[in-house]
Amino acid sequence: MRNKVIIFDLDGTLIDTLRDIHSSLMITLEEFGFPKFDINVTKSYVGDGIKKLVERAVGEKNYNKEIEKYFREIYNKKIIETSTKYEQIDYVLSNLKKITPYLFIISNKSFKFTDIIVKHFNLDIYFKEWFGGDSFEEKKPSPIPVLKIFKKYNISPDKNSFMIGDNYTDIESGFYAGVSTIYCSYGYGKLGNITPDYIVDSPVEILKIVQGG
C-alpha cells in the first residue's frame, strides 16, 4: 500500500484556472489584433501547454514567440486572480496522504506557473513533488513524465497506482506508463482514443476509487 503512487494533473483537476487563462488570452488577442471568442472556445484549447494554447487561439500560421511571451507576461499577473480549488479537494488530498506519501502533480503548463499555483493554494503540504511541462524532455501525453517519477523513487508502475486528470493527455500518459487512469469529467478537457479505467464527476469520487483499490 505504501508504494501506491498517485499523480494528479493541475488545471481542471485540482484547480479551476479557466477564467484566468481566458482573460489573459483575450487581453493578448486584443493587443495583437486578433478576434476574441467565448470562454468555451478557450476551454477547448487548453491542456497541451501554453505554446499550443496561443497557437490555437491565433492560428498556427500567425503564431510567433512574441505573442506567446506577451501572454505569459499577462498570465503571470492574473494567474491566481479568480482561480479556485475544486470542491472538497483538501478533504480528498488529506485523506489520500494517509494512504500513501507518494502524491505528485504533473502539469503541461510551465513549472514556473505550476509552482505559483501549487504554493498559492497550499497544495505543497500534500504533494511530495510537482512538475511542469518543461520539467522533462517530453510532456503528456508521453508516458515519460510518469515513468520518470517511478524511476526516481524506485517504484514499479502498476495498476495499484493512478494517473488522474481531465484531459486525454493525462489518460494516455498514464495508460502507456502502465498505471490506472481516472478521468475527471468535471474539468474542461476531453477524452481521446484511450478509455480511462474510471470516470468521476467530482473530486470526492477519486478518494473512493483509490481507497477501494
N, C-alpha and C. Protein backbone atom coordinates (compact mmCIF):
# COMPACT_ATOMS: atom_id res chain seq x y z
N MET A 1 0.83 -1.21 0.00
CA MET A 1 0.00 0.00 0.00
C MET A 1 0.86 1.26 0.00
N ARG A 2 2.01 1.22 0.71
CA ARG A 2 2.84 2.41 0.81
C ARG A 2 3.52 2.76 -0.50
N ASN A 3 3.52 1.83 -1.45
CA ASN A 3 4.13 2.10 -2.74
C ASN A 3 3.10 2.52 -3.79
N LYS A 4 1.89 2.82 -3.34
CA LYS A 4 0.87 3.32 -4.26
C LYS A 4 1.23 4.76 -4.63
N VAL A 5 1.40 5.01 -5.92
CA VAL A 5 1.73 6.35 -6.41
C VAL A 5 0.49 6.98 -7.02
N ILE A 6 0.21 8.22 -6.64
CA ILE A 6 -0.97 8.92 -7.15
C ILE A 6 -0.51 10.23 -7.78
N ILE A 7 -0.74 10.36 -9.07
CA ILE A 7 -0.30 11.54 -9.81
C ILE A 7 -1.51 12.30 -10.33
N PHE A 8 -1.54 13.59 -10.06
CA PHE A 8 -2.63 14.46 -10.49
C PHE A 8 -2.17 15.43 -11.57
N ASP A 9 -3.06 15.73 -12.47
CA ASP A 9 -2.95 16.91 -13.31
C ASP A 9 -3.30 18.10 -12.42
N LEU A 10 -3.08 19.32 -12.88
CA LEU A 10 -3.38 20.51 -12.07
C LEU A 10 -4.64 21.23 -12.55
N ASP A 11 -4.56 21.86 -13.71
CA ASP A 11 -5.69 22.64 -14.23
C ASP A 11 -6.85 21.73 -14.63
N GLY A 12 -8.03 22.05 -14.14
CA GLY A 12 -9.20 21.25 -14.49
C GLY A 12 -9.32 19.98 -13.69
N THR A 13 -8.40 19.77 -12.75
CA THR A 13 -8.40 18.56 -11.93
C THR A 13 -8.36 18.92 -10.45
N LEU A 14 -7.38 19.72 -10.06
CA LEU A 14 -7.28 20.20 -8.68
C LEU A 14 -7.78 21.64 -8.56
N ILE A 15 -7.44 22.46 -9.56
CA ILE A 15 -7.76 23.89 -9.54
C ILE A 15 -8.50 24.28 -10.81
N ASP A 16 -9.54 25.09 -10.65
CA ASP A 16 -10.25 25.65 -11.81
C ASP A 16 -9.56 26.96 -12.18
N THR A 17 -8.74 26.92 -13.20
CA THR A 17 -7.95 28.07 -13.63
C THR A 17 -8.46 28.70 -14.92
N LEU A 18 -9.57 28.21 -15.42
CA LEU A 18 -10.01 28.57 -16.77
C LEU A 18 -10.25 30.06 -16.96
N ARG A 19 -10.89 30.71 -16.00
CA ARG A 19 -11.23 32.14 -16.17
C ARG A 19 -9.98 33.01 -16.27
N ASP A 20 -8.96 32.68 -15.49
CA ASP A 20 -7.72 33.47 -15.55
C ASP A 20 -6.97 33.23 -16.85
N ILE A 21 -7.00 32.00 -17.32
CA ILE A 21 -6.39 31.70 -18.62
C ILE A 21 -7.12 32.45 -19.72
N HIS A 22 -8.45 32.40 -19.67
CA HIS A 22 -9.27 33.04 -20.71
C HIS A 22 -9.07 34.56 -20.74
N SER A 23 -9.12 35.20 -19.58
CA SER A 23 -8.98 36.66 -19.55
C SER A 23 -7.60 37.08 -20.03
N SER A 24 -6.57 36.32 -19.68
CA SER A 24 -5.21 36.62 -20.15
C SER A 24 -5.10 36.45 -21.66
N LEU A 25 -5.77 35.44 -22.16
CA LEU A 25 -5.75 35.18 -23.60
C LEU A 25 -6.48 36.27 -24.37
N MET A 26 -7.60 36.75 -23.84
CA MET A 26 -8.37 37.79 -24.51
C MET A 26 -7.60 39.10 -24.57
N ILE A 27 -6.88 39.43 -23.50
CA ILE A 27 -6.03 40.62 -23.50
C ILE A 27 -4.94 40.50 -24.56
N THR A 28 -4.39 39.32 -24.67
CA THR A 28 -3.35 39.06 -25.66
C THR A 28 -3.88 39.19 -27.09
N LEU A 29 -5.04 38.61 -27.34
CA LEU A 29 -5.64 38.68 -28.68
C LEU A 29 -5.94 40.12 -29.06
N GLU A 30 -6.45 40.89 -28.11
CA GLU A 30 -6.76 42.30 -28.38
C GLU A 30 -5.49 43.08 -28.69
N GLU A 31 -4.44 42.82 -27.94
CA GLU A 31 -3.16 43.51 -28.13
C GLU A 31 -2.59 43.29 -29.52
N PHE A 32 -2.77 42.09 -30.06
CA PHE A 32 -2.19 41.77 -31.36
C PHE A 32 -3.21 41.79 -32.50
N GLY A 33 -4.42 42.29 -32.22
CA GLY A 33 -5.40 42.50 -33.27
C GLY A 33 -6.14 41.27 -33.75
N PHE A 34 -6.21 40.25 -32.91
CA PHE A 34 -6.95 39.04 -33.27
C PHE A 34 -8.35 39.08 -32.65
N PRO A 35 -9.34 38.47 -33.30
CA PRO A 35 -10.70 38.46 -32.75
C PRO A 35 -10.80 37.66 -31.45
N LYS A 36 -11.63 38.16 -30.54
CA LYS A 36 -11.86 37.46 -29.28
C LYS A 36 -12.91 36.38 -29.48
N PHE A 37 -13.01 35.50 -28.49
CA PHE A 37 -14.02 34.44 -28.56
C PHE A 37 -14.48 34.05 -27.17
N ASP A 38 -15.50 33.22 -27.13
CA ASP A 38 -16.13 32.80 -25.87
C ASP A 38 -15.21 31.92 -25.04
N ILE A 39 -15.44 31.92 -23.74
CA ILE A 39 -14.63 31.12 -22.82
C ILE A 39 -14.70 29.63 -23.14
N ASN A 40 -15.80 29.19 -23.73
CA ASN A 40 -15.91 27.77 -24.09
C ASN A 40 -14.94 27.38 -25.20
N VAL A 41 -14.58 28.35 -26.02
CA VAL A 41 -13.56 28.10 -27.05
C VAL A 41 -12.20 27.93 -26.38
N THR A 42 -11.90 28.84 -25.45
CA THR A 42 -10.66 28.71 -24.68
C THR A 42 -10.60 27.35 -23.98
N LYS A 43 -11.73 26.96 -23.43
CA LYS A 43 -11.83 25.66 -22.74
C LYS A 43 -11.39 24.52 -23.64
N SER A 44 -11.74 24.61 -24.91
CA SER A 44 -11.40 23.54 -25.85
C SER A 44 -9.93 23.59 -26.29
N TYR A 45 -9.26 24.70 -25.97
CA TYR A 45 -7.87 24.88 -26.41
C TYR A 45 -6.84 24.49 -25.35
N VAL A 46 -7.25 24.39 -24.08
CA VAL A 46 -6.28 24.16 -23.01
C VAL A 46 -5.94 22.68 -22.86
N GLY A 47 -4.83 22.43 -22.17
CA GLY A 47 -4.46 21.05 -21.84
C GLY A 47 -3.15 20.57 -22.43
N ASP A 48 -2.63 21.31 -23.42
CA ASP A 48 -1.40 20.88 -24.09
C ASP A 48 -0.26 21.88 -23.91
N GLY A 49 -0.39 22.76 -22.92
CA GLY A 49 0.66 23.74 -22.68
C GLY A 49 0.36 25.08 -23.33
N ILE A 50 1.12 26.11 -22.92
CA ILE A 50 0.86 27.48 -23.35
C ILE A 50 1.14 27.70 -24.84
N LYS A 51 2.20 27.12 -25.35
CA LYS A 51 2.51 27.31 -26.77
C LYS A 51 1.35 26.84 -27.64
N LYS A 52 0.82 25.67 -27.35
CA LYS A 52 -0.31 25.14 -28.12
C LYS A 52 -1.56 26.00 -27.93
N LEU A 53 -1.76 26.50 -26.72
CA LEU A 53 -2.92 27.35 -26.45
C LEU A 53 -2.88 28.60 -27.33
N VAL A 54 -1.76 29.28 -27.33
CA VAL A 54 -1.61 30.50 -28.12
C VAL A 54 -1.70 30.19 -29.61
N GLU A 55 -1.10 29.11 -30.01
CA GLU A 55 -1.12 28.68 -31.41
C GLU A 55 -2.55 28.44 -31.89
N ARG A 56 -3.34 27.78 -31.07
CA ARG A 56 -4.73 27.52 -31.43
C ARG A 56 -5.55 28.80 -31.44
N ALA A 57 -5.23 29.73 -30.56
CA ALA A 57 -6.00 30.97 -30.45
C ALA A 57 -5.79 31.90 -31.63
N VAL A 58 -4.57 31.96 -32.14
CA VAL A 58 -4.26 32.90 -33.23
C VAL A 58 -4.16 32.21 -34.59
N GLY A 59 -4.13 30.88 -34.58
CA GLY A 59 -3.93 30.13 -35.81
C GLY A 59 -2.46 29.80 -35.98
N GLU A 60 -2.19 28.60 -36.40
CA GLU A 60 -0.80 28.12 -36.49
C GLU A 60 0.08 29.02 -37.36
N LYS A 61 -0.47 29.53 -38.45
CA LYS A 61 0.31 30.36 -39.37
C LYS A 61 0.64 31.73 -38.77
N ASN A 62 -0.19 32.20 -37.84
CA ASN A 62 0.01 33.52 -37.24
C ASN A 62 0.85 33.49 -35.97
N TYR A 63 1.07 32.30 -35.45
CA TYR A 63 1.79 32.18 -34.18
C TYR A 63 3.23 32.68 -34.28
N ASN A 64 3.66 33.39 -33.24
CA ASN A 64 5.09 33.68 -33.08
C ASN A 64 5.40 33.80 -31.60
N LYS A 65 6.67 33.75 -31.27
CA LYS A 65 7.10 33.73 -29.87
C LYS A 65 6.77 35.02 -29.13
N GLU A 66 6.67 36.12 -29.88
CA GLU A 66 6.34 37.41 -29.26
C GLU A 66 4.94 37.38 -28.65
N ILE A 67 4.00 36.76 -29.36
CA ILE A 67 2.64 36.65 -28.84
C ILE A 67 2.62 35.76 -27.61
N GLU A 68 3.32 34.64 -27.68
CA GLU A 68 3.38 33.74 -26.53
C GLU A 68 4.02 34.42 -25.33
N LYS A 69 5.09 35.17 -25.55
CA LYS A 69 5.77 35.88 -24.47
C LYS A 69 4.83 36.89 -23.82
N TYR A 70 4.06 37.61 -24.64
CA TYR A 70 3.11 38.59 -24.10
C TYR A 70 2.05 37.90 -23.25
N PHE A 71 1.52 36.79 -23.76
CA PHE A 71 0.53 36.04 -22.98
C PHE A 71 1.11 35.62 -21.63
N ARG A 72 2.33 35.11 -21.63
CA ARG A 72 2.96 34.68 -20.38
C ARG A 72 3.09 35.83 -19.39
N GLU A 73 3.41 37.01 -19.90
CA GLU A 73 3.55 38.18 -19.03
C GLU A 73 2.21 38.56 -18.40
N ILE A 74 1.16 38.54 -19.19
CA ILE A 74 -0.18 38.86 -18.69
C ILE A 74 -0.65 37.79 -17.71
N TYR A 75 -0.49 36.54 -18.08
CA TYR A 75 -0.94 35.43 -17.23
C TYR A 75 -0.19 35.42 -15.91
N ASN A 76 1.06 35.81 -15.93
CA ASN A 76 1.85 35.88 -14.70
C ASN A 76 1.23 36.85 -13.69
N LYS A 77 0.56 37.89 -14.20
CA LYS A 77 -0.09 38.89 -13.34
C LYS A 77 -1.48 38.44 -12.90
N LYS A 78 -2.14 37.62 -13.71
CA LYS A 78 -3.54 37.27 -13.45
C LYS A 78 -3.73 35.82 -13.02
N ILE A 79 -2.63 35.09 -12.81
CA ILE A 79 -2.66 33.64 -12.67
C ILE A 79 -3.55 33.14 -11.53
N ILE A 80 -3.66 33.91 -10.45
CA ILE A 80 -4.48 33.47 -9.31
C ILE A 80 -5.58 34.48 -8.99
N GLU A 81 -5.97 35.26 -10.00
CA GLU A 81 -6.97 36.31 -9.80
C GLU A 81 -8.34 35.75 -9.45
N THR A 82 -8.80 34.76 -10.21
CA THR A 82 -10.13 34.17 -9.96
C THR A 82 -10.09 32.66 -9.83
N SER A 83 -8.91 32.06 -9.96
CA SER A 83 -8.79 30.60 -9.88
C SER A 83 -9.19 30.10 -8.49
N THR A 84 -9.81 28.93 -8.45
CA THR A 84 -10.28 28.36 -7.19
C THR A 84 -10.04 26.85 -7.15
N LYS A 85 -9.95 26.33 -5.93
CA LYS A 85 -9.87 24.88 -5.76
C LYS A 85 -11.23 24.28 -6.08
N TYR A 86 -11.22 23.10 -6.64
CA TYR A 86 -12.47 22.37 -6.81
C TYR A 86 -12.97 21.90 -5.44
N GLU A 87 -14.26 21.68 -5.36
CA GLU A 87 -14.91 21.32 -4.10
C GLU A 87 -14.30 20.07 -3.46
N GLN A 88 -14.01 20.18 -2.18
CA GLN A 88 -13.51 19.08 -1.34
C GLN A 88 -12.12 18.58 -1.72
N ILE A 89 -11.36 19.38 -2.45
CA ILE A 89 -10.00 18.97 -2.83
C ILE A 89 -9.13 18.74 -1.60
N ASP A 90 -9.20 19.63 -0.62
CA ASP A 90 -8.38 19.47 0.58
C ASP A 90 -8.76 18.20 1.34
N TYR A 91 -10.03 17.93 1.41
CA TYR A 91 -10.50 16.70 2.08
C TYR A 91 -9.96 15.47 1.36
N VAL A 92 -10.05 15.48 0.05
CA VAL A 92 -9.58 14.35 -0.75
C VAL A 92 -8.08 14.15 -0.59
N LEU A 93 -7.32 15.23 -0.72
CA LEU A 93 -5.87 15.12 -0.66
C LEU A 93 -5.36 14.74 0.73
N SER A 94 -5.97 15.29 1.76
CA SER A 94 -5.53 14.96 3.12
C SER A 94 -5.75 13.49 3.42
N ASN A 95 -6.83 12.93 2.89
CA ASN A 95 -7.11 11.50 3.10
C ASN A 95 -6.23 10.62 2.22
N LEU A 96 -5.93 11.08 1.02
CA LEU A 96 -5.03 10.32 0.16
C LEU A 96 -3.63 10.26 0.76
N LYS A 97 -3.22 11.33 1.41
CA LYS A 97 -1.89 11.37 2.02
C LYS A 97 -1.77 10.37 3.17
N LYS A 98 -2.91 10.02 3.76
CA LYS A 98 -2.90 9.00 4.82
C LYS A 98 -2.69 7.60 4.22
N ILE A 99 -3.04 7.47 2.95
CA ILE A 99 -2.91 6.18 2.26
C ILE A 99 -1.48 5.98 1.75
N THR A 100 -0.90 7.05 1.20
CA THR A 100 0.44 6.95 0.61
C THR A 100 1.16 8.30 0.67
N PRO A 101 2.47 8.29 0.84
CA PRO A 101 3.23 9.54 0.80
C PRO A 101 3.58 9.96 -0.62
N TYR A 102 3.28 9.10 -1.58
CA TYR A 102 3.72 9.33 -2.96
C TYR A 102 2.64 10.03 -3.79
N LEU A 103 2.42 11.30 -3.48
CA LEU A 103 1.47 12.13 -4.22
C LEU A 103 2.27 13.14 -5.06
N PHE A 104 1.90 13.25 -6.33
CA PHE A 104 2.64 14.13 -7.25
C PHE A 104 1.67 14.89 -8.15
N ILE A 105 2.17 15.97 -8.73
CA ILE A 105 1.44 16.72 -9.76
C ILE A 105 2.30 16.77 -11.01
N ILE A 106 1.69 16.49 -12.14
CA ILE A 106 2.34 16.72 -13.44
C ILE A 106 1.41 17.59 -14.27
N SER A 107 1.84 18.82 -14.54
CA SER A 107 1.07 19.74 -15.38
C SER A 107 1.78 19.92 -16.71
N ASN A 108 1.03 20.30 -17.72
CA ASN A 108 1.64 20.62 -19.01
C ASN A 108 1.98 22.10 -19.12
N LYS A 109 1.57 22.91 -18.13
CA LYS A 109 1.99 24.31 -18.12
C LYS A 109 3.40 24.37 -17.54
N SER A 110 4.08 25.47 -17.73
CA SER A 110 5.47 25.57 -17.28
C SER A 110 5.58 25.36 -15.77
N PHE A 111 6.75 24.92 -15.33
CA PHE A 111 6.95 24.71 -13.89
C PHE A 111 6.76 26.02 -13.13
N LYS A 112 7.18 27.13 -13.71
CA LYS A 112 7.05 28.43 -13.04
C LYS A 112 5.60 28.70 -12.65
N PHE A 113 4.68 28.53 -13.58
CA PHE A 113 3.27 28.79 -13.30
C PHE A 113 2.67 27.70 -12.41
N THR A 114 3.09 26.46 -12.63
CA THR A 114 2.63 25.35 -11.79
C THR A 114 3.00 25.61 -10.34
N ASP A 115 4.23 26.02 -10.11
CA ASP A 115 4.74 26.27 -8.77
C ASP A 115 3.98 27.40 -8.08
N ILE A 116 3.68 28.46 -8.82
CA ILE A 116 2.92 29.58 -8.25
C ILE A 116 1.55 29.12 -7.76
N ILE A 117 0.86 28.35 -8.59
CA ILE A 117 -0.48 27.89 -8.24
C ILE A 117 -0.44 26.91 -7.08
N VAL A 118 0.47 25.95 -7.13
CA VAL A 118 0.58 24.95 -6.06
C VAL A 118 0.80 25.63 -4.71
N LYS A 119 1.71 26.58 -4.65
CA LYS A 119 2.04 27.23 -3.38
C LYS A 119 0.95 28.20 -2.93
N HIS A 120 0.33 28.89 -3.88
CA HIS A 120 -0.74 29.83 -3.51
C HIS A 120 -1.91 29.10 -2.84
N PHE A 121 -2.24 27.93 -3.34
CA PHE A 121 -3.37 27.18 -2.80
C PHE A 121 -2.96 26.15 -1.74
N ASN A 122 -1.71 26.27 -1.28
CA ASN A 122 -1.20 25.40 -0.20
C ASN A 122 -1.27 23.92 -0.55
N LEU A 123 -1.16 23.61 -1.82
CA LEU A 123 -1.16 22.20 -2.22
C LEU A 123 0.16 21.53 -1.88
N ASP A 124 1.19 22.34 -1.62
CA ASP A 124 2.51 21.78 -1.31
C ASP A 124 2.53 20.96 -0.03
N ILE A 125 1.53 21.13 0.83
CA ILE A 125 1.50 20.35 2.07
C ILE A 125 1.10 18.90 1.81
N TYR A 126 0.54 18.64 0.65
CA TYR A 126 0.08 17.29 0.32
C TYR A 126 1.04 16.54 -0.60
N PHE A 127 1.73 17.26 -1.47
CA PHE A 127 2.46 16.61 -2.55
C PHE A 127 3.96 16.52 -2.28
N LYS A 128 4.52 15.39 -2.63
CA LYS A 128 5.97 15.17 -2.49
C LYS A 128 6.74 16.03 -3.48
N GLU A 129 6.24 16.10 -4.71
CA GLU A 129 6.85 16.95 -5.74
C GLU A 129 5.79 17.33 -6.76
N TRP A 130 6.08 18.39 -7.51
CA TRP A 130 5.21 18.79 -8.62
C TRP A 130 6.09 19.21 -9.79
N PHE A 131 5.56 18.98 -11.00
CA PHE A 131 6.35 19.18 -12.21
C PHE A 131 5.53 19.91 -13.26
N GLY A 132 6.23 20.63 -14.15
CA GLY A 132 5.58 21.33 -15.24
C GLY A 132 5.88 20.67 -16.57
N GLY A 133 5.36 21.26 -17.62
CA GLY A 133 5.57 20.72 -18.96
C GLY A 133 7.01 20.83 -19.43
N ASP A 134 7.79 21.69 -18.76
CA ASP A 134 9.20 21.85 -19.11
C ASP A 134 10.13 21.14 -18.13
N SER A 135 9.57 20.30 -17.26
CA SER A 135 10.38 19.58 -16.27
C SER A 135 11.04 18.33 -16.85
N PHE A 136 10.48 17.83 -17.94
CA PHE A 136 11.00 16.62 -18.57
C PHE A 136 11.24 16.87 -20.05
N GLU A 137 11.90 15.94 -20.72
CA GLU A 137 12.19 16.11 -22.14
C GLU A 137 10.93 16.02 -23.01
N GLU A 138 9.89 15.40 -22.49
CA GLU A 138 8.60 15.35 -23.17
C GLU A 138 7.50 15.64 -22.17
N LYS A 139 6.38 16.14 -22.66
CA LYS A 139 5.24 16.39 -21.78
C LYS A 139 4.13 15.39 -22.08
N LYS A 140 3.11 15.36 -21.24
CA LYS A 140 1.96 14.50 -21.51
C LYS A 140 1.37 14.86 -22.88
N PRO A 141 0.94 13.91 -23.69
CA PRO A 141 0.55 12.53 -23.38
C PRO A 141 1.68 11.50 -23.35
N SER A 142 2.91 11.93 -23.51
CA SER A 142 4.02 10.99 -23.38
C SER A 142 4.01 10.37 -21.98
N PRO A 143 4.35 9.10 -21.85
CA PRO A 143 4.42 8.48 -20.53
C PRO A 143 5.70 8.83 -19.78
N ILE A 144 6.62 9.51 -20.44
CA ILE A 144 7.92 9.80 -19.83
C ILE A 144 7.82 10.53 -18.49
N PRO A 145 7.00 11.60 -18.35
CA PRO A 145 6.91 12.25 -17.03
C PRO A 145 6.49 11.30 -15.92
N VAL A 146 5.52 10.44 -16.20
CA VAL A 146 5.05 9.47 -15.20
C VAL A 146 6.15 8.47 -14.88
N LEU A 147 6.77 7.92 -15.90
CA LEU A 147 7.80 6.90 -15.70
C LEU A 147 9.02 7.45 -14.98
N LYS A 148 9.35 8.72 -15.22
CA LYS A 148 10.49 9.34 -14.54
C LYS A 148 10.27 9.40 -13.04
N ILE A 149 9.05 9.66 -12.63
CA ILE A 149 8.73 9.70 -11.20
C ILE A 149 8.93 8.33 -10.58
N PHE A 150 8.40 7.32 -11.22
CA PHE A 150 8.55 5.96 -10.70
C PHE A 150 10.02 5.57 -10.61
N LYS A 151 10.78 5.92 -11.62
CA LYS A 151 12.20 5.58 -11.63
C LYS A 151 12.94 6.29 -10.51
N LYS A 152 12.63 7.56 -10.30
CA LYS A 152 13.30 8.35 -9.27
C LYS A 152 13.10 7.75 -7.89
N TYR A 153 11.90 7.24 -7.64
CA TYR A 153 11.58 6.71 -6.31
C TYR A 153 11.68 5.18 -6.26
N ASN A 154 12.24 4.61 -7.32
CA ASN A 154 12.50 3.17 -7.36
C ASN A 154 11.24 2.34 -7.09
N ILE A 155 10.15 2.75 -7.74
CA ILE A 155 8.87 2.05 -7.62
C ILE A 155 8.46 1.56 -9.01
N SER A 156 7.94 0.37 -9.08
CA SER A 156 7.49 -0.17 -10.37
C SER A 156 6.07 0.29 -10.67
N PRO A 157 5.82 0.86 -11.85
CA PRO A 157 4.46 1.27 -12.21
C PRO A 157 3.56 0.07 -12.40
N ASP A 158 2.37 0.12 -11.81
CA ASP A 158 1.38 -0.94 -11.99
C ASP A 158 -0.01 -0.36 -11.76
N LYS A 159 -1.00 -1.21 -11.83
CA LYS A 159 -2.39 -0.76 -11.73
C LYS A 159 -2.78 -0.38 -10.30
N ASN A 160 -1.87 -0.54 -9.35
CA ASN A 160 -2.11 -0.11 -7.98
C ASN A 160 -1.91 1.40 -7.84
N SER A 161 -1.29 2.00 -8.85
CA SER A 161 -1.04 3.44 -8.87
C SER A 161 -1.96 4.12 -9.88
N PHE A 162 -2.05 5.45 -9.78
CA PHE A 162 -3.05 6.18 -10.56
C PHE A 162 -2.49 7.44 -11.21
N MET A 163 -2.96 7.71 -12.43
CA MET A 163 -2.79 8.99 -13.08
C MET A 163 -4.18 9.59 -13.21
N ILE A 164 -4.36 10.81 -12.70
CA ILE A 164 -5.68 11.43 -12.59
C ILE A 164 -5.69 12.77 -13.31
N GLY A 165 -6.65 12.96 -14.22
CA GLY A 165 -6.73 14.23 -14.91
C GLY A 165 -7.99 14.38 -15.74
N ASP A 166 -8.14 15.56 -16.32
CA ASP A 166 -9.37 15.89 -17.05
C ASP A 166 -9.17 15.90 -18.56
N ASN A 167 -8.02 15.44 -19.04
CA ASN A 167 -7.76 15.54 -20.47
C ASN A 167 -7.18 14.23 -21.02
N TYR A 168 -7.31 14.07 -22.31
CA TYR A 168 -6.77 12.87 -22.96
C TYR A 168 -5.27 12.73 -22.72
N THR A 169 -4.58 13.87 -22.55
CA THR A 169 -3.14 13.84 -22.32
C THR A 169 -2.81 13.09 -21.03
N ASP A 170 -3.62 13.27 -20.00
CA ASP A 170 -3.41 12.59 -18.72
C ASP A 170 -3.68 11.09 -18.84
N ILE A 171 -4.78 10.77 -19.51
CA ILE A 171 -5.19 9.37 -19.63
C ILE A 171 -4.20 8.59 -20.48
N GLU A 172 -3.76 9.17 -21.58
CA GLU A 172 -2.79 8.48 -22.43
C GLU A 172 -1.44 8.33 -21.73
N SER A 173 -1.02 9.35 -21.03
CA SER A 173 0.25 9.30 -20.30
C SER A 173 0.24 8.17 -19.27
N GLY A 174 -0.85 8.09 -18.51
CA GLY A 174 -0.97 7.03 -17.51
C GLY A 174 -1.11 5.65 -18.12
N PHE A 175 -1.89 5.57 -19.18
CA PHE A 175 -2.12 4.28 -19.85
C PHE A 175 -0.81 3.68 -20.36
N TYR A 176 -0.04 4.50 -21.07
CA TYR A 176 1.20 3.99 -21.65
C TYR A 176 2.30 3.78 -20.61
N ALA A 177 2.12 4.37 -19.43
CA ALA A 177 3.06 4.13 -18.33
C ALA A 177 2.69 2.87 -17.55
N GLY A 178 1.47 2.36 -17.78
CA GLY A 178 1.05 1.12 -17.14
C GLY A 178 0.37 1.26 -15.80
N VAL A 179 -0.20 2.47 -15.54
CA VAL A 179 -0.92 2.67 -14.28
C VAL A 179 -2.41 2.85 -14.55
N SER A 180 -3.21 2.78 -13.50
CA SER A 180 -4.65 3.01 -13.63
C SER A 180 -4.90 4.48 -13.93
N THR A 181 -5.97 4.75 -14.66
CA THR A 181 -6.28 6.12 -15.04
C THR A 181 -7.68 6.52 -14.56
N ILE A 182 -7.78 7.76 -14.09
CA ILE A 182 -9.06 8.31 -13.65
C ILE A 182 -9.30 9.60 -14.42
N TYR A 183 -10.40 9.65 -15.16
CA TYR A 183 -10.76 10.83 -15.94
C TYR A 183 -11.74 11.69 -15.15
N CYS A 184 -11.42 12.97 -15.00
CA CYS A 184 -12.25 13.91 -14.24
C CYS A 184 -13.17 14.67 -15.19
N SER A 185 -14.41 14.25 -15.26
CA SER A 185 -15.36 14.86 -16.20
C SER A 185 -15.78 16.26 -15.77
N TYR A 186 -15.50 16.62 -14.51
CA TYR A 186 -15.87 17.95 -14.02
C TYR A 186 -14.90 19.03 -14.51
N GLY A 187 -13.80 18.62 -15.11
CA GLY A 187 -12.83 19.58 -15.62
C GLY A 187 -13.21 20.10 -16.99
N TYR A 188 -12.23 20.56 -17.76
CA TYR A 188 -12.55 21.14 -19.06
C TYR A 188 -11.76 20.55 -20.22
N GLY A 189 -11.22 19.37 -20.00
CA GLY A 189 -10.52 18.68 -21.07
C GLY A 189 -11.45 17.79 -21.86
N LYS A 190 -10.87 16.87 -22.59
CA LYS A 190 -11.67 15.94 -23.40
C LYS A 190 -10.92 14.62 -23.51
N LEU A 191 -11.67 13.57 -23.74
CA LEU A 191 -11.07 12.24 -23.90
C LEU A 191 -10.62 12.03 -25.35
N GLY A 192 -9.67 11.13 -25.52
CA GLY A 192 -9.20 10.77 -26.85
C GLY A 192 -9.56 9.34 -27.16
N ASN A 193 -8.63 8.61 -27.72
CA ASN A 193 -8.89 7.23 -28.13
C ASN A 193 -8.74 6.21 -27.02
N ILE A 194 -8.06 6.59 -25.94
CA ILE A 194 -7.84 5.67 -24.83
C ILE A 194 -8.97 5.80 -23.82
N THR A 195 -9.59 4.68 -23.48
CA THR A 195 -10.66 4.68 -22.48
C THR A 195 -10.06 4.62 -21.08
N PRO A 196 -10.44 5.54 -20.19
CA PRO A 196 -9.89 5.52 -18.83
C PRO A 196 -10.45 4.35 -18.03
N ASP A 197 -9.74 3.97 -16.99
CA ASP A 197 -10.22 2.90 -16.11
C ASP A 197 -11.43 3.35 -15.30
N TYR A 198 -11.44 4.64 -14.97
CA TYR A 198 -12.54 5.19 -14.17
C TYR A 198 -12.88 6.59 -14.68
N ILE A 199 -14.13 6.98 -14.49
CA ILE A 199 -14.58 8.34 -14.78
C ILE A 199 -15.28 8.87 -13.53
N VAL A 200 -14.89 10.07 -13.09
CA VAL A 200 -15.50 10.66 -11.91
C VAL A 200 -16.13 12.01 -12.25
N ASP A 201 -17.21 12.32 -11.56
CA ASP A 201 -17.90 13.59 -11.77
C ASP A 201 -17.59 14.61 -10.68
N SER A 202 -16.86 14.19 -9.64
CA SER A 202 -16.47 15.09 -8.56
C SER A 202 -15.19 14.57 -7.91
N PRO A 203 -14.40 15.45 -7.29
CA PRO A 203 -13.14 15.02 -6.68
C PRO A 203 -13.29 13.95 -5.61
N VAL A 204 -14.37 14.00 -4.83
CA VAL A 204 -14.51 13.04 -3.73
C VAL A 204 -14.61 11.61 -4.25
N GLU A 205 -15.06 11.43 -5.48
CA GLU A 205 -15.14 10.09 -6.06
C GLU A 205 -13.75 9.49 -6.28
N ILE A 206 -12.76 10.35 -6.47
CA ILE A 206 -11.38 9.88 -6.62
C ILE A 206 -10.94 9.14 -5.37
N LEU A 207 -11.24 9.72 -4.23
CA LEU A 207 -10.87 9.12 -2.95
C LEU A 207 -11.49 7.74 -2.79
N LYS A 208 -12.74 7.61 -3.16
CA LYS A 208 -13.44 6.33 -3.03
C LYS A 208 -12.78 5.26 -3.90
N ILE A 209 -12.37 5.64 -5.10
CA ILE A 209 -11.73 4.69 -6.01
C ILE A 209 -10.38 4.24 -5.46
N VAL A 210 -9.58 5.19 -5.02
CA VAL A 210 -8.25 4.85 -4.50
C VAL A 210 -8.35 4.03 -3.22
N GLN A 211 -9.28 4.37 -2.37
CA GLN A 211 -9.46 3.62 -1.12
C GLN A 211 -9.89 2.18 -1.39
N GLY A 212 -10.63 2.01 -2.48
CA GLY A 212 -11.10 0.67 -2.80
C GLY A 212 -10.11 -0.15 -3.59
N GLY A 213 -9.02 0.52 -4.05
CA GLY A 213 -8.04 -0.16 -4.89
C GLY A 213 -6.92 -0.80 -4.11
